[in-house]
N, C-alpha and C. Protein backbone atom coordinates (compact mmCIF):
# COMPACT_ATOMS: atom_id res chain seq x y z
N MET A 1 -28.12 19.19 -15.41
CA MET A 1 -27.15 18.00 -14.79
C MET A 1 -26.96 17.42 -15.52
N THR A 2 -25.52 16.53 -14.88
CA THR A 2 -25.49 15.19 -15.79
C THR A 2 -25.46 14.18 -14.48
N ASP A 3 -25.83 12.72 -15.12
CA ASP A 3 -25.39 12.12 -13.96
C ASP A 3 -24.99 10.93 -14.52
N PHE A 4 -24.40 9.70 -13.62
CA PHE A 4 -23.23 8.70 -13.27
C PHE A 4 -23.46 8.28 -15.24
N THR A 5 -25.19 7.67 -15.30
CA THR A 5 -25.08 7.50 -16.81
C THR A 5 -24.37 7.78 -18.20
N SER A 6 -24.48 9.46 -18.07
CA SER A 6 -24.42 9.86 -19.30
C SER A 6 -22.58 9.58 -18.95
N ILE A 7 -21.88 10.41 -17.65
CA ILE A 7 -21.05 10.65 -17.67
C ILE A 7 -20.36 9.40 -18.11
N MET A 8 -20.38 7.97 -17.91
CA MET A 8 -20.08 7.20 -18.37
C MET A 8 -20.06 6.41 -20.19
N LYS A 9 -21.03 7.56 -20.34
CA LYS A 9 -21.66 6.80 -21.71
C LYS A 9 -20.37 7.42 -22.48
N GLY A 10 -20.36 8.69 -22.05
CA GLY A 10 -18.88 9.92 -23.16
C GLY A 10 -19.68 9.97 -24.23
N SER A 11 -18.25 10.51 -24.89
CA SER A 11 -17.94 10.81 -26.21
C SER A 11 -18.91 9.87 -26.81
N GLY A 12 -18.59 8.23 -26.70
CA GLY A 12 -19.00 7.13 -27.05
C GLY A 12 -17.68 6.97 -27.70
N LYS A 13 -17.04 7.04 -27.44
CA LYS A 13 -15.64 7.23 -28.27
C LYS A 13 -14.72 5.96 -27.82
N ALA A 14 -14.10 5.04 -28.29
CA ALA A 14 -13.95 3.74 -27.63
C ALA A 14 -12.19 4.48 -27.63
N MET A 15 -11.70 4.32 -26.40
CA MET A 15 -10.38 4.88 -26.39
C MET A 15 -9.44 3.80 -26.85
N THR A 16 -8.27 3.94 -27.18
CA THR A 16 -6.92 3.87 -28.08
C THR A 16 -6.47 2.20 -26.35
N GLU A 17 -5.57 0.99 -26.98
CA GLU A 17 -4.56 1.20 -25.83
C GLU A 17 -3.37 1.49 -25.37
N GLU A 18 -2.74 2.71 -26.18
CA GLU A 18 -2.40 3.21 -25.63
C GLU A 18 -2.72 4.24 -24.42
N GLU A 19 -4.12 4.94 -25.08
CA GLU A 19 -4.64 5.64 -23.50
C GLU A 19 -4.94 5.19 -22.49
N GLN A 20 -5.54 3.94 -22.86
CA GLN A 20 -5.75 3.46 -21.16
C GLN A 20 -4.52 2.68 -20.68
N LYS A 21 -3.27 2.75 -21.42
CA LYS A 21 -2.30 2.11 -20.53
C LYS A 21 -1.68 3.83 -19.79
N LYS A 22 -2.16 4.92 -20.67
CA LYS A 22 -1.35 5.89 -19.99
C LYS A 22 -2.79 6.27 -18.53
N ILE A 23 -3.68 5.69 -18.97
CA ILE A 23 -4.38 5.87 -17.38
C ILE A 23 -4.30 5.03 -15.99
N GLY A 24 -4.15 4.04 -17.05
CA GLY A 24 -3.47 2.69 -15.79
C GLY A 24 -2.13 3.04 -14.76
N GLN A 25 -1.87 3.97 -15.63
CA GLN A 25 0.18 4.63 -14.96
C GLN A 25 0.12 5.12 -14.01
N SER A 26 1.12 5.08 -12.57
CA SER A 26 0.79 6.01 -11.43
C SER A 26 1.86 7.39 -11.71
N THR A 27 0.92 7.94 -11.33
CA THR A 27 1.40 9.11 -10.69
C THR A 27 2.19 9.76 -10.15
N ALA A 28 3.33 10.63 -10.44
CA ALA A 28 4.36 10.97 -9.23
C ALA A 28 4.06 12.00 -8.42
N ALA A 29 4.09 12.04 -7.27
CA ALA A 29 3.44 12.84 -6.55
C ALA A 29 4.07 12.93 -5.21
N LYS A 30 4.79 14.23 -3.89
CA LYS A 30 5.47 13.95 -3.38
C LYS A 30 4.64 13.56 -1.85
N MET A 31 5.53 12.25 -1.36
CA MET A 31 4.71 11.86 0.26
C MET A 31 5.23 12.74 1.10
N ASP A 32 4.62 12.74 2.25
CA ASP A 32 4.85 14.01 3.38
C ASP A 32 5.96 12.87 4.22
N SER A 33 6.41 13.65 5.03
CA SER A 33 7.46 12.92 5.16
C SER A 33 7.30 11.58 6.15
N GLU A 34 5.80 11.49 6.70
CA GLU A 34 6.11 10.86 7.90
C GLU A 34 6.34 9.26 6.98
N HIS A 35 5.36 9.36 5.78
CA HIS A 35 4.84 8.49 5.14
C HIS A 35 6.58 7.12 4.37
N GLU A 36 7.13 8.92 4.18
CA GLU A 36 8.62 8.58 3.80
C GLU A 36 9.13 8.24 4.41
N ASP A 37 9.49 8.65 6.07
CA ASP A 37 10.05 8.03 6.55
C ASP A 37 9.88 6.82 7.45
N PHE A 38 8.69 6.57 7.24
CA PHE A 38 8.08 4.93 7.43
C PHE A 38 8.38 4.07 6.59
N LEU A 39 8.16 3.90 5.28
CA LEU A 39 8.58 3.53 4.23
C LEU A 39 10.15 3.57 4.64
N LYS A 40 11.38 4.71 4.33
CA LYS A 40 12.52 4.32 4.74
C LYS A 40 12.73 2.94 5.78
N THR A 41 12.81 3.21 6.83
CA THR A 41 12.25 2.36 8.14
C THR A 41 12.29 0.48 7.43
N VAL A 42 11.33 0.71 7.12
CA VAL A 42 10.80 -0.80 6.34
C VAL A 42 11.87 -1.38 5.24
N LEU A 43 12.44 -0.42 4.42
CA LEU A 43 13.16 -0.50 3.25
C LEU A 43 14.39 -0.64 4.05
N LYS A 44 15.14 -0.24 5.12
CA LYS A 44 16.28 -0.45 5.79
C LYS A 44 16.29 -2.19 6.23
N LEU A 45 14.99 -2.14 7.30
CA LEU A 45 15.37 -3.17 7.37
C LEU A 45 15.02 -4.57 6.62
N ILE A 46 14.77 -4.76 5.38
CA ILE A 46 14.61 -5.47 4.93
C ILE A 46 16.29 -5.20 4.09
N ASP A 47 16.44 -4.30 3.79
CA ASP A 47 18.03 -4.52 3.21
C ASP A 47 19.02 -5.34 3.97
N ASP A 48 18.65 -4.64 5.67
CA ASP A 48 19.66 -5.98 6.82
C ASP A 48 19.53 -6.90 6.43
N LYS A 49 18.23 -7.49 6.19
CA LYS A 49 17.81 -8.67 6.06
C LYS A 49 16.96 -9.49 8.07
N GLU A 50 17.00 -8.26 8.59
CA GLU A 50 16.02 -8.31 9.99
C GLU A 50 14.58 -8.55 9.75
N ILE A 51 14.38 -8.12 8.31
CA ILE A 51 12.94 -8.28 8.28
C ILE A 51 12.50 -9.11 6.49
N ASP A 52 11.78 -9.92 6.26
CA ASP A 52 11.43 -10.42 5.09
C ASP A 52 9.91 -10.78 5.03
N PRO A 53 9.25 -9.54 3.75
CA PRO A 53 8.11 -9.60 3.62
C PRO A 53 7.41 -11.31 2.89
N SER A 54 8.44 -11.78 2.41
CA SER A 54 8.12 -13.79 1.86
C SER A 54 8.18 -14.29 3.28
N LYS A 55 8.43 -13.67 4.90
CA LYS A 55 8.69 -14.47 5.62
C LYS A 55 7.78 -13.92 6.62
N PRO A 56 6.79 -14.81 7.06
CA PRO A 56 5.80 -12.99 7.67
C PRO A 56 6.51 -13.12 9.56
N GLN A 57 6.66 -14.48 9.86
CA GLN A 57 7.34 -14.87 11.01
C GLN A 57 8.15 -13.89 11.57
N SER A 58 8.99 -13.53 10.65
CA SER A 58 10.33 -12.06 10.51
C SER A 58 9.40 -10.96 10.79
N LEU A 59 8.41 -10.83 10.91
CA LEU A 59 8.16 -9.56 11.11
C LEU A 59 8.01 -8.96 12.74
N LEU A 60 8.33 -10.36 13.20
CA LEU A 60 7.39 -10.27 14.69
C LEU A 60 8.69 -10.17 15.89
N LYS A 61 8.81 -9.29 16.39
CA LYS A 61 9.45 -9.46 17.82
C LYS A 61 8.36 -10.44 18.72
N SER A 62 9.80 -11.53 18.56
CA SER A 62 9.36 -13.17 19.11
C SER A 62 8.86 -12.87 20.60
N SER A 63 10.31 -12.04 21.22
CA SER A 63 9.68 -11.75 22.57
C SER A 63 8.76 -11.49 23.04
N VAL A 64 8.16 -10.60 22.61
CA VAL A 64 6.29 -10.18 22.52
C VAL A 64 5.53 -11.05 21.99
N TYR A 65 5.50 -11.75 20.82
CA TYR A 65 4.57 -12.35 20.62
C TYR A 65 4.43 -13.63 21.11
N ASP A 66 5.27 -14.05 21.23
CA ASP A 66 5.41 -15.32 22.82
C ASP A 66 4.77 -15.23 23.48
N THR A 67 4.88 -14.04 24.26
CA THR A 67 4.36 -13.75 25.70
C THR A 67 2.61 -13.65 26.07
N LEU A 68 2.13 -13.27 24.58
CA LEU A 68 0.33 -12.61 24.06
C LEU A 68 -0.33 -14.53 24.57
N ASP A 69 -1.33 -14.05 24.57
CA ASP A 69 -2.48 -14.77 24.85
C ASP A 69 -2.92 -15.33 23.36
N ALA A 70 -3.02 -16.33 23.69
CA ALA A 70 -3.91 -17.72 22.67
C ALA A 70 -4.79 -16.03 22.06
N ASN A 71 -5.63 -16.10 22.40
CA ASN A 71 -6.44 -14.56 21.54
C ASN A 71 -5.92 -13.78 20.74
N TRP A 72 -5.02 -13.23 21.24
CA TRP A 72 -4.23 -12.23 20.97
C TRP A 72 -3.29 -12.78 19.81
N GLN A 73 -2.70 -14.00 20.18
CA GLN A 73 -1.73 -14.53 19.34
C GLN A 73 -2.80 -14.83 17.92
N ALA A 74 -4.03 -15.42 17.80
CA ALA A 74 -4.34 -15.04 16.95
C ALA A 74 -4.94 -14.06 15.93
N LYS A 75 -4.97 -13.18 16.86
CA LYS A 75 -5.01 -11.90 15.91
C LYS A 75 -4.01 -11.21 15.19
N VAL A 76 -2.87 -11.35 16.21
CA VAL A 76 -1.68 -11.20 15.03
C VAL A 76 -1.60 -11.71 13.78
N ASP A 77 -1.74 -13.57 13.73
CA ASP A 77 -1.58 -14.19 13.07
C ASP A 77 -2.22 -13.91 11.71
N ILE A 78 -3.75 -13.26 12.18
CA ILE A 78 -4.54 -13.18 10.75
C ILE A 78 -3.90 -11.67 10.59
N SER A 79 -3.43 -11.02 11.65
CA SER A 79 -3.61 -9.36 10.44
C SER A 79 -1.83 -9.34 10.22
N LEU A 80 -0.87 -10.17 10.38
CA LEU A 80 0.06 -10.89 9.76
C LEU A 80 0.10 -11.20 8.27
N MET A 81 -0.62 -11.93 7.92
CA MET A 81 -0.67 -12.58 6.27
C MET A 81 -0.83 -11.12 5.87
N ASN A 82 -1.96 -10.52 6.36
CA ASN A 82 -2.37 -8.69 4.94
C ASN A 82 -1.67 -8.30 4.89
N ILE A 83 -0.46 -7.92 6.75
CA ILE A 83 0.57 -6.86 6.33
C ILE A 83 1.86 -7.32 5.50
N SER A 84 2.03 -8.44 5.69
CA SER A 84 3.18 -9.37 4.55
C SER A 84 2.73 -9.22 3.43
N ASN A 85 1.87 -9.54 2.90
CA ASN A 85 1.23 -9.34 1.84
C ASN A 85 1.39 -7.67 1.12
N LEU A 86 0.57 -7.23 2.46
CA LEU A 86 1.12 -5.49 1.43
C LEU A 86 2.18 -5.14 2.04
N LEU A 87 2.88 -5.80 2.37
CA LEU A 87 4.66 -5.42 2.17
C LEU A 87 5.01 -5.37 0.77
N GLU A 88 5.23 -6.64 0.60
CA GLU A 88 5.89 -7.25 -0.26
C GLU A 88 5.10 -6.46 -1.58
N HIS A 89 3.58 -5.82 -1.75
CA HIS A 89 3.54 -4.98 -2.90
C HIS A 89 4.12 -3.77 -3.15
N ILE A 90 4.35 -3.09 -1.68
CA ILE A 90 4.97 -1.83 -1.23
C ILE A 90 7.02 -1.65 -2.22
N VAL A 91 7.09 -2.27 -1.29
CA VAL A 91 8.40 -3.30 -1.98
C VAL A 91 8.25 -3.26 -3.16
N GLY A 92 8.02 -4.10 -4.11
CA GLY A 92 7.96 -3.48 -5.47
C GLY A 92 7.65 -2.88 -6.02
N PHE A 93 6.59 -2.17 -5.45
CA PHE A 93 6.19 -0.99 -5.96
C PHE A 93 7.52 -0.35 -6.48
N ARG A 94 8.17 0.10 -4.92
CA ARG A 94 9.16 0.85 -4.94
C ARG A 94 10.65 0.68 -5.81
N LEU A 95 10.30 -0.82 -5.81
CA LEU A 95 11.99 -1.03 -6.48
C LEU A 95 11.44 -1.27 -8.23
N SER A 96 10.50 -1.27 -8.22
CA SER A 96 9.71 -1.21 -9.91
C SER A 96 10.26 -0.05 -10.97
N THR A 97 11.31 -0.07 -11.64
CA THR A 97 11.43 1.24 -12.57
C THR A 97 10.48 1.52 -13.13
N HIS A 98 9.13 0.93 -12.80
CA HIS A 98 7.77 1.08 -14.16
C HIS A 98 7.22 2.43 -12.86
N THR A 99 7.07 2.59 -11.66
CA THR A 99 6.63 3.24 -10.96
C THR A 99 7.64 4.54 -10.22
N PRO A 100 7.04 5.33 -9.98
CA PRO A 100 7.38 6.78 -9.68
C PRO A 100 7.79 5.92 -8.40
N ASP A 101 8.44 6.86 -7.65
CA ASP A 101 9.07 6.33 -5.85
C ASP A 101 8.50 6.99 -5.34
N GLU A 102 7.44 8.09 -5.64
CA GLU A 102 6.56 8.89 -4.54
C GLU A 102 5.25 8.49 -5.18
N SER A 103 3.95 8.39 -5.18
CA SER A 103 3.09 8.42 -5.35
C SER A 103 1.67 8.15 -4.98
N PRO A 104 0.73 8.78 -5.07
CA PRO A 104 -0.92 8.71 -3.98
C PRO A 104 -0.53 7.21 -3.91
N GLU A 105 -1.13 6.84 -5.15
CA GLU A 105 -0.81 4.73 -5.03
C GLU A 105 0.27 4.33 -3.57
N LEU A 106 1.95 4.55 -3.93
CA LEU A 106 2.21 3.79 -2.58
C LEU A 106 1.65 4.97 -1.43
N LYS A 107 1.50 5.57 -1.28
CA LYS A 107 1.30 6.41 -0.26
C LYS A 107 0.03 5.62 0.69
N GLY A 108 -0.92 5.78 0.13
CA GLY A 108 -1.92 4.66 -0.02
C GLY A 108 -1.98 3.44 0.70
N MET A 109 -0.75 2.01 0.24
CA MET A 109 -0.83 1.17 1.09
C MET A 109 0.20 1.71 2.18
N ILE A 110 0.89 2.43 1.68
CA ILE A 110 1.75 2.48 2.99
C ILE A 110 0.75 3.62 4.25
N GLU A 111 -0.46 3.80 4.41
CA GLU A 111 -0.76 4.25 5.13
C GLU A 111 -1.84 2.93 5.54
N GLN A 112 -2.14 2.29 4.40
CA GLN A 112 -2.78 1.45 5.22
C GLN A 112 -2.52 0.30 6.04
N LEU A 113 -0.93 0.09 5.29
CA LEU A 113 -0.03 -0.63 6.73
C LEU A 113 0.32 -0.20 7.84
N TRP A 114 0.45 0.81 7.80
CA TRP A 114 0.18 1.37 9.18
C TRP A 114 -0.78 1.56 9.90
N GLN A 115 -1.77 1.69 9.51
CA GLN A 115 -3.65 1.20 10.25
C GLN A 115 -3.85 0.21 10.57
N MET A 116 -3.03 -1.35 9.53
CA MET A 116 -2.89 -2.29 9.70
C MET A 116 -2.48 -2.73 11.21
N LYS A 117 -1.16 -2.17 11.41
CA LYS A 117 0.07 -2.17 12.62
C LYS A 117 -0.28 -1.64 13.26
N GLN A 118 -0.93 -0.32 13.39
CA GLN A 118 -1.29 0.20 14.46
C GLN A 118 -2.55 -0.66 15.43
N ARG A 119 -2.87 -1.19 14.48
CA ARG A 119 -4.78 -1.55 15.52
C ARG A 119 -4.12 -3.12 16.08
N ILE A 120 -2.83 -3.39 15.97
CA ILE A 120 -2.36 -4.36 16.59
C ILE A 120 -1.62 -3.51 18.40
N GLU A 121 -0.83 -2.76 17.82
CA GLU A 121 0.72 -2.50 18.31
C GLU A 121 -0.57 -1.46 19.29
N LYS A 122 -2.05 -0.75 19.20
CA LYS A 122 -2.35 0.03 20.37
C LYS A 122 -2.42 -0.23 21.63
N GLU A 123 -2.05 -2.27 21.41
CA GLU A 123 -2.49 -3.32 22.54
C GLU A 123 -0.75 -4.35 22.80
N HIS A 124 0.04 -3.94 21.33
CA HIS A 124 1.12 -5.16 21.45
C HIS A 124 2.52 -4.68 21.04
N ASP A 125 3.11 -3.72 21.31
CA ASP A 125 4.12 -4.03 20.35
C ASP A 125 5.15 -4.83 20.16
N VAL A 126 4.25 -5.50 19.06
CA VAL A 126 4.64 -6.96 18.39
C VAL A 126 4.68 -6.40 17.10
N PHE A 127 5.31 -5.86 16.77
CA PHE A 127 6.23 -6.03 14.84
C PHE A 127 7.39 -5.34 15.19
N LYS A 128 8.53 -5.35 14.35
CA LYS A 128 9.61 -4.84 13.90
C LYS A 128 9.62 -3.15 14.05
N PHE A 129 9.31 -2.86 13.43
CA PHE A 129 8.84 -2.29 12.01
C PHE A 129 8.44 -1.16 12.71
């Protein structure tokens, strides 16, 4: 039976720079409709200038956020920075000509965004998307 150390040692042959680049590339893979629909909704909001990932406050429904108590506003504020940052990564990944439009990496980022959003929105529907 092989163990982790022997697997990591491999053949002892160093990888070429080209092999390393190929391993680091994202692979294309179909996303399910739920992830794709969520991404389309977010991208449309950005295209329509309703939200801007570089302006975290633009992601909020101010009419809901303003009615929250200080504790909930603090929770939203903390998650808002992470959501905004992740959203910038998702948009950059999707719009890049060097990455596929659908991939396991993009699906994972969308899933993470969805979960962060849902942690807050199970109590308060504060985000525009």
